[in-house]
C-alpha atoms as a PDB file:
ATOM      1  CA  MET A   1      60.573 -77.680-162.786  1.00  0.00           C
ATOM      2  CA  LYS A   2      63.710 -76.301-164.334  1.00  0.00           C
ATOM      3  CA  THR A   3      65.876 -78.707-166.285  1.00  0.00           C
ATOM      4  CA  GLN A   4      69.609 -78.030-166.495  1.00  0.00           C
ATOM      5  CA  LEU A   5      71.048 -79.205-169.806  1.00  0.00           C
ATOM      6  CA  ALA A   6      73.851 -81.748-169.437  1.00  0.00           C
ATOM      7  CA  LEU A   7      75.101 -80.704-172.873  1.00  0.00           C
ATOM      8  CA  ASN A   8      76.163 -84.137-173.953  1.00  0.00           C
ATOM      9  CA  THR A   9      74.691 -86.819-176.139  1.00  0.00           C
ATOM     10  CA  ASP A  10      73.831 -90.237-174.676  1.00  0.00           C
ATOM     11  CA  LEU A  11      74.972 -92.359-177.603  1.00  0.00           C
ATOM     12  CA  SER A  12      73.685 -95.596-176.121  1.00  0.00           C
ATOM     13  CA  ALA A  13      70.130 -94.298-176.467  1.00  0.00           C
ATOM     14  CA  ALA A  14      70.720 -93.724-180.185  1.00  0.00           C
ATOM     15  CA  VAL A  15      72.092 -97.194-180.957  1.00  0.00           C
ATOM     16  CA  SER A  16      69.698 -99.050-183.248  1.00  0.00           C
ATOM     17  CA  ASP A  17      69.858-102.629-184.535  1.00  0.00           C
ATOM     18  CA  GLY A  18      73.399-103.017-183.209  1.00  0.00           C
ATOM     19  CA  GLN A  19      74.662-100.018-185.197  1.00  0.00           C
ATOM     20  CA  ALA A  20      76.287 -96.825-183.897  1.00  0.00           C
ATOM     21  CA  PRO A  21      74.153 -93.729-184.658  1.00  0.00           C
ATOM     22  CA  GLU A  22      74.813 -92.100-187.996  1.00  0.00           C
ATOM     23  CA  TRP A  23      73.703 -88.636-186.823  1.00  0.00           C
ATOM     24  CA  VAL A  24      74.576 -87.365-183.338  1.00  0.00           C
ATOM     25  CA  GLU A  25      73.582 -84.232-181.448  1.00  0.00           C
ATOM     26  CA  LEU A  26      76.638 -82.065-180.739  1.00  0.00           C
ATOM     27  CA  ILE A  27      75.094 -78.908-179.199  1.00  0.00           C
ATOM     28  CA  PRO A  28      71.524 -78.848-177.823  1.00  0.00           C
ATOM     29  CA  PRO A  29      68.942 -76.276-178.947  1.00  0.00           C
ATOM     30  CA  GLY A  30      69.670 -72.706-177.833  1.00  0.00           C
ATOM     31  CA  PRO A  31      69.727 -69.837-177.712  1.00  0.00           C
ATOM     32  CA  LYS A  32      71.098 -70.383-174.176  1.00  0.00           C
ATOM     33  CA  VAL A  33      72.904 -73.646-173.393  1.00  0.00           C
ATOM     34  CA  SER A  34      74.254 -74.465-169.923  1.00  0.00           C
ATOM     35  CA  GLY A  35      77.001 -76.645-168.479  1.00  0.00           C
ATOM     36  CA  ARG A  36      76.732 -78.715-165.339  1.00  0.00           C
ATOM     37  CA  ASP A  37      78.519 -75.989-163.409  1.00  0.00           C
ATOM     38  CA  GLY A  38      75.842 -73.443-164.350  1.00  0.00           C
ATOM     39  CA  ARG A  39      77.827 -71.441-166.893  1.00  0.00           C
ATOM     40  CA  GLN A  40      76.016 -70.554-170.114  1.00  0.00           C
ATOM     41  CA  TRP A  41      76.857 -70.022-173.767  1.00  0.00           C
ATOM     42  CA  LEU A  42      74.929 -68.499-176.632  1.00  0.00           C
ATOM     43  CA  PHE A  43      73.943 -70.766-179.514  1.00  0.00           C
ATOM     44  CA  ASP A  44      71.501 -68.708-181.535  1.00  0.00           C
ATOM     45  CA  GLU A  45      70.833 -68.538-185.261  1.00  0.00           C
ATOM     46  CA  GLN A  46      73.973 -66.453-185.847  1.00  0.00           C
ATOM     47  CA  ALA A  47      76.084 -68.940-183.884  1.00  0.00           C
ATOM     48  CA  GLY A  48      74.729 -71.795-185.993  1.00  0.00           C
ATOM     49  CA  LEU A  49      75.657 -69.975-189.198  1.00  0.00           C
ATOM     50  CA  LEU A  50      79.170 -69.206-187.897  1.00  0.00           C
ATOM     51  CA  VAL A  51      79.789 -72.821-186.855  1.00  0.00           C
ATOM     52  CA  GLN A  52      78.595 -74.197-190.189  1.00  0.00           C
ATOM     53  CA  SER A  53      80.542 -71.572-192.155  1.00  0.00           C
ATOM     54  CA  SER A  54      83.742 -72.366-190.261  1.00  0.00           C
ATOM     55  CA  PHE A  55      83.298 -76.096-190.871  1.00  0.00           C
ATOM     56  CA  THR A  56      82.651 -75.576-194.582  1.00  0.00           C
ATOM     57  CA  GLY A  57      85.545 -73.145-194.928  1.00  0.00           C
ATOM     58  CA  ARG A  58      88.095 -75.538-193.431  1.00  0.00           C
ATOM     59  CA  ALA A  59      86.894 -78.340-195.721  1.00  0.00           C
ATOM     60  CA  ILE A  60      88.196 -81.069-193.408  1.00  0.00           C
ATOM     61  CA  ASP A  61      86.420 -83.681-191.324  1.00  0.00           C
ATOM     62  CA  LEU A  62      86.514 -83.053-187.573  1.00  0.00           C
ATOM     63  CA  PRO A  63      87.746 -85.856-185.285  1.00  0.00           C
ATOM     64  CA  ILE A  64      85.819 -87.688-182.599  1.00  0.00           C
ATOM     65  CA  ASP A  65      88.469 -89.064-180.238  1.00  0.00           C
ATOM     66  CA  TRP A  66      88.591 -90.736-176.828  1.00  0.00           C
ATOM     67  CA  GLU A  67      88.480 -88.488-173.735  1.00  0.00           C
ATOM     68  CA  HIS A  68      89.587 -85.443-175.805  1.00  0.00           C
ATOM     69  CA  ALA A  69      92.967 -86.985-176.658  1.00  0.00           C
ATOM     70  CA  THR A  70      93.337 -84.443-179.476  1.00  0.00           C
ATOM     71  CA  GLN A  71      93.698 -81.714-176.822  1.00  0.00           C
ATOM     72  CA  HIS A  72      95.376 -83.776-174.069  1.00  0.00           C
ATOM     73  CA  ARG A  73      97.765 -86.101-175.906  1.00  0.00           C
ATOM     74  CA  ALA A  74      98.340 -84.836-179.445  1.00  0.00           C
ATOM     75  CA  THR A  75      99.800 -81.551-178.179  1.00  0.00           C
ATOM     76  CA  LYS A  76     102.493 -83.593-176.392  1.00  0.00           C
ATOM     77  CA  GLY A  77     103.287 -85.666-179.472  1.00  0.00           C
ATOM     78  CA  GLU A  78     101.412 -88.716-178.202  1.00  0.00           C
ATOM     79  CA  ASP A  79      98.937 -90.848-180.150  1.00  0.00           C
ATOM     80  CA  ALA A  80      95.406 -89.489-180.430  1.00  0.00           C
ATOM     81  CA  PRO A  81      93.534 -91.875-182.771  1.00  0.00           C
ATOM     82  CA  ALA A  82      90.058 -91.088-184.027  1.00  0.00           C
ATOM     83  CA  ALA A  83      86.948 -93.005-183.040  1.00  0.00           C
ATOM     84  CA  GLY A  84      85.066 -91.355-185.880  1.00  0.00           C
ATOM     85  CA  TRP A  85      84.966 -88.369-188.211  1.00  0.00           C
ATOM     86  CA  ILE A  86      82.329 -85.628-188.388  1.00  0.00           C
ATOM     87  CA  LYS A  87      81.686 -85.194-192.097  1.00  0.00           C
ATOM     88  CA  GLN A  88      78.676 -82.873-192.139  1.00  0.00           C
ATOM     89  CA  LEU A  89      76.894 -80.425-189.826  1.00  0.00           C
ATOM     90  CA  GLU A  90      73.201 -79.604-189.752  1.00  0.00           C
ATOM     91  CA  ILE A  91      70.947 -77.384-187.622  1.00  0.00           C
ATOM     92  CA  ARG A  92      67.878 -79.242-186.357  1.00  0.00           C
ATOM     93  CA  ASN A  93      65.282 -77.433-184.241  1.00  0.00           C
ATOM     94  CA  GLY A  94      67.910 -74.984-183.024  1.00  0.00           C
ATOM     95  CA  GLY A  95      70.499 -77.664-182.134  1.00  0.00           C
ATOM     96  CA  LEU A  96      73.685 -78.742-183.918  1.00  0.00           C
ATOM     97  CA  TRP A  97      73.857 -82.279-185.332  1.00  0.00           C
ATOM     98  CA  GLY A  98      76.722 -84.045-187.073  1.00  0.00           C
ATOM     99  CA  LEU A  99      76.968 -86.877-189.582  1.00  0.00           C
ATOM    100  CA  VAL A 100      79.566 -89.352-188.288  1.00  0.00           C
ATOM    101  CA  ASP A 101      81.698 -91.908-190.113  1.00  0.00           C
ATOM    102  CA  TRP A 102      82.696 -94.200-187.210  1.00  0.00           C
ATOM    103  CA  THR A 103      85.877 -96.257-187.161  1.00  0.00           C
ATOM    104  CA  PRO A 104      85.302 -99.976-186.438  1.00  0.00           C
ATOM    105  CA  ARG A 105      86.759 -99.631-182.955  1.00  0.00           C
ATOM    106  CA  GLY A 106      84.742 -96.502-182.162  1.00  0.00           C
ATOM    107  CA  ALA A 107      81.484 -97.983-183.432  1.00  0.00           C
ATOM    108  CA  ASN A 108      82.056-101.192-181.467  1.00  0.00           C
ATOM    109  CA  GLN A 109      82.624 -99.336-178.187  1.00  0.00           C
ATOM    110  CA  VAL A 110      79.527 -97.210-178.671  1.00  0.00           C
ATOM    111  CA  VAL A 111      77.374-100.236-179.467  1.00  0.00           C
ATOM    112  CA  ASN A 112      78.763-102.149-176.462  1.00  0.00           C
ATOM    113  CA  ARG A 113      78.138 -99.121-174.198  1.00  0.00           C
ATOM    114  CA  GLU A 114      81.817 -98.881-173.257  1.00  0.00           C
ATOM    115  CA  TYR A 115      81.426 -95.165-173.980  1.00  0.00           C
ATOM    116  CA  ARG A 116      77.992 -93.602-173.634  1.00  0.00           C
ATOM    117  CA  PHE A 117      78.416 -89.883-174.106  1.00  0.00           C
ATOM    118  CA  LEU A 118      79.724 -87.483-176.706  1.00  0.00           C
ATOM    119  CA  SER A 119      81.233 -84.199-175.496  1.00  0.00           C
ATOM    120  CA  PRO A 120      82.053 -81.370-177.954  1.00  0.00           C
ATOM    121  CA  VAL A 121      85.023 -79.004-177.955  1.00  0.00           C
ATOM    122  CA  PHE A 122      84.237 -75.554-179.332  1.00  0.00           C
ATOM    123  CA  ASP A 123      85.454 -71.957-179.579  1.00  0.00           C
ATOM    124  CA  TYR A 124      83.339 -69.051-178.342  1.00  0.00           C
ATOM    125  CA  GLU A 125      83.526 -65.260-178.154  1.00  0.00           C
ATOM    126  CA  SER A 126      84.665 -64.172-174.696  1.00  0.00           C
ATOM    127  CA  ASP A 127      82.438 -61.084-174.648  1.00  0.00           C
ATOM    128  CA  SER A 128      79.154 -62.413-176.033  1.00  0.00           C
ATOM    129  CA  THR A 129      79.786 -66.121-175.150  1.00  0.00           C
ATOM    130  CA  ARG A 130      78.500 -66.928-178.651  1.00  0.00           C
ATOM    131  CA  ILE A 131      79.762 -70.296-179.935  1.00  0.00           C
ATOM    132  CA  VAL A 132      81.540 -69.703-183.250  1.00  0.00           C
ATOM    133  CA  ARG A 133      83.391 -72.902-184.185  1.00  0.00           C
ATOM    134  CA  LEU A 134      83.292 -76.631-183.517  1.00  0.00           C
ATOM    135  CA  VAL A 135      86.799 -78.000-182.925  1.00  0.00           C
ATOM    136  CA  SER A 136      86.236 -81.705-182.223  1.00  0.00           C
ATOM    137  CA  ALA A 137      84.268 -84.075-179.994  1.00  0.00           C
ATOM    138  CA  GLY A 138      85.256 -86.814-177.578  1.00  0.00           C
ATOM    139  CA  LEU A 139      83.792 -90.078-176.399  1.00  0.00           C
ATOM    140  CA  THR A 140      83.582 -89.874-172.616  1.00  0.00           C
ATOM    141  CA  ASN A 141      81.738 -91.223-169.608  1.00  0.00           C
ATOM    142  CA  LYS A 142      82.169 -87.949-167.663  1.00  0.00           C
ATOM    143  CA  PRO A 143      80.342 -85.442-169.825  1.00  0.00           C
ATOM    144  CA  ASN A 144      80.138 -81.724-169.232  1.00  0.00           C
ATOM    145  CA  PHE A 145      80.114 -78.576-171.319  1.00  0.00           C
ATOM    146  CA  LEU A 146      82.604 -76.194-169.741  1.00  0.00           C
ATOM    147  CA  LEU A 147      85.358 -74.131-171.337  1.00  0.00           C
ATOM    148  CA  THR A 148      86.574 -73.771-174.888  1.00  0.00           C
ATOM    149  CA  ALA A 149      89.465 -76.157-174.396  1.00  0.00           C
ATOM    150  CA  LEU A 150      87.771 -79.254-172.931  1.00  0.00           C
ATOM    151  CA  ASN A 151      84.261 -80.201-171.945  1.00  0.00           C
ATOM    152  CA  GLN A 152      84.937 -82.653-169.145  1.00  0.00           C
ATOM    153  CA  GLU A 153      84.616 -82.455-165.405  1.00  0.00           C
ATOM    154  CA  THR A 154      88.293 -83.405-164.898  1.00  0.00           C
ATOM    155  CA  LEU A 155      91.073 -81.730-166.899  1.00  0.00           C
ATOM    156  CA  GLU A 156      94.788 -82.446-167.019  1.00  0.00           C
ATOM    157  CA  ASN A 157      95.563 -78.747-166.601  1.00  0.00           C
ATOM    158  CA  SER A 158      95.345 -77.455-163.053  1.00  0.00           C
ATOM    159  CA  PRO A 159      92.726 -74.730-162.429  1.00  0.00           C
ATOM    160  CA  VAL A 160      93.649 -71.061-162.517  1.00  0.00           C
ATOM    161  CA  LYS A 161      95.153 -70.012-159.189  1.00  0.00           C
ATOM    162  CA  LEU A 162      94.180 -66.492-158.212  1.00  0.00           C
ATOM    163  CA  SER A 163      96.582 -64.367-156.218  1.00  0.00           C
ATOM    164  CA  PRO A 164      95.852 -64.007-152.481  1.00  0.00           C
ATOM    165  CA  ALA A 165      96.145 -60.217-152.832  1.00  0.00           C
ATOM    166  CA  LEU A 166      93.436 -60.145-155.488  1.00  0.00           C
ATOM    167  CA  LEU A 167      91.101 -62.321-153.434  1.00  0.00           C
ATOM    168  CA  ALA A 168      91.726 -60.202-150.341  1.00  0.00           C
ATOM    169  CA  ALA A 169      90.886 -57.053-152.335  1.00  0.00           C
ATOM    170  CA  LEU A 170      87.602 -58.670-153.338  1.00  0.00           C
ATOM    171  CA  GLY A 171      86.866 -59.851-149.808  1.00  0.00           C
ATOM    172  CA  LEU A 172      86.939 -63.496-150.901  1.00  0.00           C
ATOM    173  CA  PRO A 173      88.581 -66.561-149.297  1.00  0.00           C
ATOM    174  CA  GLU A 174      91.683 -68.154-150.863  1.00  0.00           C
ATOM    175  CA  THR A 175      89.517 -71.063-152.053  1.00  0.00           C
ATOM    176  CA  ALA A 176      87.390 -68.790-154.270  1.00  0.00           C
ATOM    177  CA  THR A 177      87.111 -69.676-157.971  1.00  0.00           C
ATOM    178  CA  GLU A 178      87.776 -67.456-160.977  1.00  0.00           C
ATOM    179  CA  GLU A 179      84.017 -67.209-161.586  1.00  0.00           C
ATOM    180  CA  GLN A 180      83.456 -65.976-158.023  1.00  0.00           C
ATOM    181  CA  ALA A 181      86.207 -63.383-158.451  1.00  0.00           C
ATOM    182  CA  ILE A 182      84.658 -62.135-161.698  1.00  0.00           C
ATOM    183  CA  ALA A 183      81.221 -61.983-160.075  1.00  0.00           C
ATOM    184  CA  ALA A 184      82.584 -60.053-157.079  1.00  0.00           C
ATOM    185  CA  THR A 185      84.406 -57.596-159.355  1.00  0.00           C
ATOM    186  CA  THR A 186      81.279 -57.048-161.433  1.00  0.00           C
ATOM    187  CA  GLN A 187      79.219 -56.468-158.305  1.00  0.00           C
ATOM    188  CA  LEU A 188      81.697 -53.925-156.961  1.00  0.00           C
ATOM    189  CA  LYS A 189      81.752 -52.105-160.281  1.00  0.00           C
ATOM    190  CA  THR A 190      77.949 -52.090-160.497  1.00  0.00           C
ATOM    191  CA  THR A 191      77.653 -50.765-156.944  1.00  0.00           C
ATOM    192  CA  ALA A 192      80.185 -48.010-157.616  1.00  0.00           C
ATOM    193  CA  GLN A 193      78.376 -46.989-160.811  1.00  0.00           C
ATOM    194  CA  ALA A 194      75.041 -46.917-159.018  1.00  0.00           C
ATOM    195  CA  MET A 195      76.512 -44.716-156.306  1.00  0.00           C
ATOM    196  CA  ASN A 196      78.086 -42.468-158.916  1.00  0.00           C
ATOM    197  CA  ALA A 197      74.685 -41.993-160.587  1.00  0.00           C
ATOM    198  CA  GLU A 198      73.397 -40.572-157.290  1.00  0.00           C
ATOM    199  CA  ARG A 199      76.484 -38.410-156.738  1.00  0.00           C
ATOM    200  CA  PRO A 200      74.558 -35.165-155.977  1.00  0.00           C
ATOM    201  CA  ASN A 201      72.847 -36.812-152.982  1.00  0.00           C
ATOM    202  CA  LEU A 202      75.545 -39.370-152.196  1.00  0.00           C
ATOM    203  CA  GLU A 203      76.581 -37.844-148.892  1.00  0.00           C
ATOM    204  CA  GLN A 204      73.016 -38.234-147.631  1.00  0.00           C
ATOM    205  CA  PHE A 205      73.369 -42.013-147.804  1.00  0.00           C
ATOM    206  CA  VAL A 206      77.022 -42.962-147.171  1.00  0.00           C
ATOM    207  CA  PRO A 207      80.104 -41.149-145.923  1.00  0.00           C
ATOM    208  CA  ARG A 208      82.325 -39.845-148.690  1.00  0.00           C
ATOM    209  CA  ALA A 209      85.332 -41.813-147.415  1.00  0.00           C
ATOM    210  CA  ASP A 210      83.385 -45.069-147.618  1.00  0.00           C
ATOM    211  CA  TYR A 211      82.323 -44.332-151.163  1.00  0.00           C
ATOM    212  CA  ASN A 212      85.857 -43.438-152.248  1.00  0.00           C
ATOM    213  CA  ALA A 213      87.217 -46.605-150.654  1.00  0.00           C
ATOM    214  CA  LEU A 214      84.588 -48.761-152.393  1.00  0.00           C
ATOM    215  CA  GLU A 215      85.237 -47.149-155.770  1.00  0.00           C
ATOM    216  CA  SER A 216      89.012 -47.547-155.422  1.00  0.00           C
ATOM    217  CA  ARG A 217      88.569 -51.155-154.328  1.00  0.00           C
ATOM    218  CA  ALA A 218      86.495 -51.965-157.409  1.00  0.00           C
ATOM    219  CA  ILE A 219      89.014 -50.325-159.771  1.00  0.00           C
ATOM    220  CA  ASN A 220      92.006 -52.058-158.148  1.00  0.00           C
ATOM    221  CA  ALA A 221      90.288 -55.439-158.202  1.00  0.00           C
ATOM    222  CA  GLU A 222      89.371 -55.068-161.864  1.00  0.00           C
ATOM    223  CA  GLN A 223      92.911 -54.058-162.795  1.00  0.00           C
ATOM    224  CA  ALA A 224      94.416 -56.921-160.781  1.00  0.00           C
ATOM    225  CA  LEU A 225      92.135 -59.441-162.454  1.00  0.00           C
ATOM    226  CA  ALA A 226      92.968 -58.071-165.911  1.00  0.00           C
ATOM    227  CA  THR A 227      96.706 -58.255-165.136  1.00  0.00           C
ATOM    228  CA  GLN A 228      96.447 -61.859-163.981  1.00  0.00           C
ATOM    229  CA  LYS A 229      94.393 -62.864-167.007  1.00  0.00           C
ATOM    230  CA  LYS A 230      97.045 -61.338-169.279  1.00  0.00           C
ATOM    231  CA  ALA A 231      99.823 -63.198-167.450  1.00  0.00           C
ATOM    232  CA  ASP A 232      97.917 -66.500-167.695  1.00  0.00           C
ATOM    233  CA  HIS A 233      97.336 -65.912-171.407  1.00  0.00           C
ATOM    234  CA  GLU A 234     101.019 -65.172-172.067  1.00  0.00           C
ATOM    235  CA  LYS A 235     102.006 -68.293-170.129  1.00  0.00           C
ATOM    236  CA  ALA A 236      99.657 -70.417-172.259  1.00  0.00           C
ATOM    237  CA  VAL A 237     101.068 -68.857-175.460  1.00  0.00           C
ATOM    238  CA  ASP A 238     104.672 -69.540-174.370  1.00  0.00           C
ATOM    239  CA  ALA A 239     103.859 -73.165-173.528  1.00  0.00           C
ATOM    240  CA  LEU A 240     102.111 -73.805-176.848  1.00  0.00           C
ATOM    241  CA  ILE A 241     104.854 -72.146-178.927  1.00  0.00           C
ATOM    242  CA  THR A 242     107.557 -74.098-177.061  1.00  0.00           C
ATOM    243  CA  ALA A 243     105.701 -77.382-177.616  1.00  0.00           C
ATOM    244  CA  ALA A 244     105.118 -76.573-181.305  1.00  0.00           C
ATOM    245  CA  THR A 245     108.792 -75.695-181.811  1.00  0.00           C
ATOM    246  CA  GLN A 246     110.007 -78.846-180.053  1.00  0.00           C
ATOM    247  CA  ALA A 247     107.585 -80.948-182.105  1.00  0.00           C
ATOM    248  CA  GLY A 248     108.904 -79.372-185.310  1.00  0.00           C
ATOM    249  CA  LYS A 249     105.503 -77.921-186.223  1.00  0.00           C
ATOM    250  CA  ILE A 250     106.987 -74.422-186.513  1.00  0.00           C
ATOM    251  CA  THR A 251     110.517 -73.117-187.031  1.00  0.00           C
ATOM    252  CA  PRO A 252     112.374 -70.833-184.602  1.00  0.00           C
ATOM    253  CA  ALA A 253     112.383 -68.130-187.260  1.00  0.00           C
ATOM    254  CA  THR A 254     108.567 -67.891-187.132  1.00  0.00           C
ATOM    255  CA  VAL A 255     108.198 -67.789-183.332  1.00  0.00           C
ATOM    256  CA  ASP A 256     107.764 -63.998-183.165  1.00  0.00           C
ATOM    257  CA  TYR A 257     105.160 -64.109-185.937  1.00  0.00           C
ATOM    258  CA  HIS A 258     103.086 -66.775-184.182  1.00  0.00           C
ATOM    259  CA  ARG A 259     103.415 -65.028-180.819  1.00  0.00           C
ATOM    260  CA  ALA A 260     102.062 -61.805-182.348  1.00  0.00           C
ATOM    261  CA  ALA A 261      99.120 -63.751-183.793  1.00  0.00           C
ATOM    262  CA  CYS A 262      98.215 -65.084-180.325  1.00  0.00           C
ATOM    263  CA  GLN A 263      97.520 -61.725-178.673  1.00  0.00           C
ATOM    264  CA  ASP A 264      93.937 -62.710-177.762  1.00  0.00           C
ATOM    265  CA  GLU A 265      92.013 -65.896-177.008  1.00  0.00           C
ATOM    266  CA  THR A 266      90.715 -66.161-180.568  1.00  0.00           C
ATOM    267  CA  GLY A 267      94.229 -65.970-181.994  1.00  0.00           C
ATOM    268  CA  LEU A 268      95.468 -68.568-179.500  1.00  0.00           C
ATOM    269  CA  ALA A 269      92.628 -70.909-180.463  1.00  0.00           C
ATOM    270  CA  ARG A 270      93.462 -70.498-184.157  1.00  0.00           C
ATOM    271  CA  PHE A 271      97.134 -71.263-183.474  1.00  0.00           C
ATOM    272  CA  LYS A 272      96.175 -74.394-181.498  1.00  0.00           C
ATOM    273  CA  ALA A 273      94.122 -75.616-184.430  1.00  0.00           C
ATOM    274  CA  PHE A 274      96.989 -74.825-186.815  1.00  0.00           C
ATOM    275  CA  VAL A 275      99.529 -76.755-184.715  1.00  0.00           C
ATOM    276  CA  GLU A 276      97.200 -79.764-184.461  1.00  0.00           C
ATOM    277  CA  ALA A 277      96.868 -79.981-188.234  1.00  0.00           C
ATOM    278  CA  ALA A 278     100.354 -78.838-189.287  1.00  0.00           C
ATOM    279  CA  PRO A 279     102.949 -81.348-190.530  1.00  0.00           C
ATOM    280  CA  VAL A 280     106.463 -81.496-189.077  1.00  0.00           C
ATOM    281  CA  VAL A 281     108.491 -78.875-190.941  1.00  0.00           C
ATOM    282  CA  ALA A 282     111.613 -78.595-188.781  1.00  0.00           C
ATOM    283  CA  ALA A 283     113.001 -82.009-187.885  1.00  0.00           C
ATOM    284  CA  ALA A 284     115.672 -82.078-185.174  1.00  0.00           C
ATOM    285  CA  SER A 285     119.303 -82.090-186.337  1.00  0.00           C
ATOM    286  CA  ASN A 286     122.748 -82.479-184.734  1.00  0.00           C
ATOM    287  CA  LEU A 287     124.151 -79.299-186.257  1.00  0.00           C
ATOM    288  CA  GLY A 288     124.729 -77.822-182.837  1.00  0.00           C
ATOM    289  CA  GLU A 289     127.112 -80.630-181.961  1.00  0.00           C
ATOM    290  CA  ARG A 290     129.159 -80.555-185.201  1.00  0.00           C
ATOM    291  CA  LYS A 291     132.377 -78.592-185.761  1.00  0.00           C
ATOM    292  CA  PRO A 292     133.310 -77.034-189.096  1.00  0.00           C
ATOM    293  CA  ASP A 293     135.733 -79.022-191.226  1.00  0.00           C
ATOM    294  CA  ASN A 294     139.417 -78.033-191.430  1.00  0.00           C
ATOM    295  CA  THR A 295     139.463 -76.202-188.114  1.00  0.00           C
ATOM    296  CA  ALA A 296     142.049 -76.339-185.322  1.00  0.00           C
ATOM    297  CA  THR A 297     142.341 -74.953-181.812  1.00  0.00           C
ATOM    298  CA  ALA A 298     144.879 -72.158-181.375  1.00  0.00           C
ATOM    299  CA  LEU A 299     147.950 -72.789-179.199  1.00  0.00           C
ATOM    300  CA  ASN A 300     147.938 -71.546-175.653  1.00  0.00           C
ATOM    301  CA  ALA A 301     150.809 -69.430-174.273  1.00  0.00           C
ATOM    302  CA  GLU A 302     152.760 -72.418-172.950  1.00  0.00           C
ATOM    303  CA  GLU A 303     152.473 -74.305-176.253  1.00  0.00           C
ATOM    304  CA  GLN A 304     153.557 -71.231-178.210  1.00  0.00           C
ATOM    305  CA  LYS A 305     156.710 -70.991-176.036  1.00  0.00           C
ATOM    306  CA  VAL A 306     157.565 -74.671-176.604  1.00  0.00           C
ATOM    307  CA  ALA A 307     157.067 -74.287-180.383  1.00  0.00           C
ATOM    308  CA  SER A 308     159.378 -71.255-180.398  1.00  0.00           C
ATOM    309  CA  LEU A 309     162.103 -73.156-178.503  1.00  0.00           C
ATOM    310  CA  LEU A 310     161.834 -76.012-181.011  1.00  0.00           C
ATOM    311  CA  GLY A 311     161.961 -73.640-183.935  1.00  0.00           C
ATOM    312  CA  MET A 312     158.540 -74.799-185.181  1.00  0.00           C
ATOM    313  CA  SER A 313     155.634 -72.797-186.586  1.00  0.00           C
ATOM    314  CA  GLU A 314     152.204 -73.051-184.915  1.00  0.00           C
ATOM    315  CA  ALA A 315     150.890 -75.135-187.829  1.00  0.00           C
ATOM    316  CA  GLU A 316     153.814 -77.564-187.529  1.00  0.00           C
ATOM    317  CA  PHE A 317     153.367 -77.818-183.783  1.00  0.00           C
ATOM    318  CA  ILE A 318     149.614 -78.470-184.121  1.00  0.00           C
ATOM    319  CA  LYS A 319     150.302 -81.123-186.777  1.00  0.00           C
ATOM    320  CA  GLY A 320     152.811 -82.744-184.446  1.00  0.00           C
ATOM    321  CA  LYS A 321     150.230 -82.768-181.622  1.00  0.00           C
ATOM    322  CA  ALA A 322     147.775 -84.524-183.882  1.00  0.00           C
END
């Protein structure tokens, strides 16, 4: 029997003598850990060292909130109170555990089973899928272990919508997911490479036109997927920078600098963490609505003619208008 890891901690099972658990499991033993949707991440010895090093280097406690409010609400300037604070990390039997200082409200809800599960938010390397940093954790009753941003089954952000042209190139229906598109692209590329390895005898197995069409289809699909991923990334960067500017977390003068630092997913994740922790440095002002002192509007042609007939200078005429 194969057991699929839920990748969440049932806190109610850890409650003892009416007290919320002091230590909680944040990531189960690796090296491979899986989400409910079947996707996997790497949490090996190197990943454990990277996560602990990142936590130690930042020298700040990590929040445990409700339903990942730190990612959902705080980015919009709304309240995102903490249910507890992760003060220490420890590797136990290949899994990641955290020492928690619960708030009274958080501890009470865990003890009363109002919230049963703990779901982590983490960063990982897109190529190796190795987990490299713990961002936060959330009390939830819908646990899962999905993407870097949030580990819930339901997210506020709508899923990535793939272009119909891309899906048609891959031979997939319009309802196909991003994972299915990636899998189809990989399969096409693998098939083309396998055919290319047998190039001397290729015409004995398939017509040349069919091979050329398959190879071109794989290349076009891969390029289309890369283009869409880049567009989605740039859209996410623009949205985060706009929100940070409006919230006063960054100044307009530093927008280009922060945009350049968000060229890849790792840079975007670092900027998100920076914005979450940054104080307000650029409060809103009414300077755009103010006029300089001692200024006056020049006379139009009709007013200049009247002033001339009256034998008045422009300054005298303007003073008379006032």
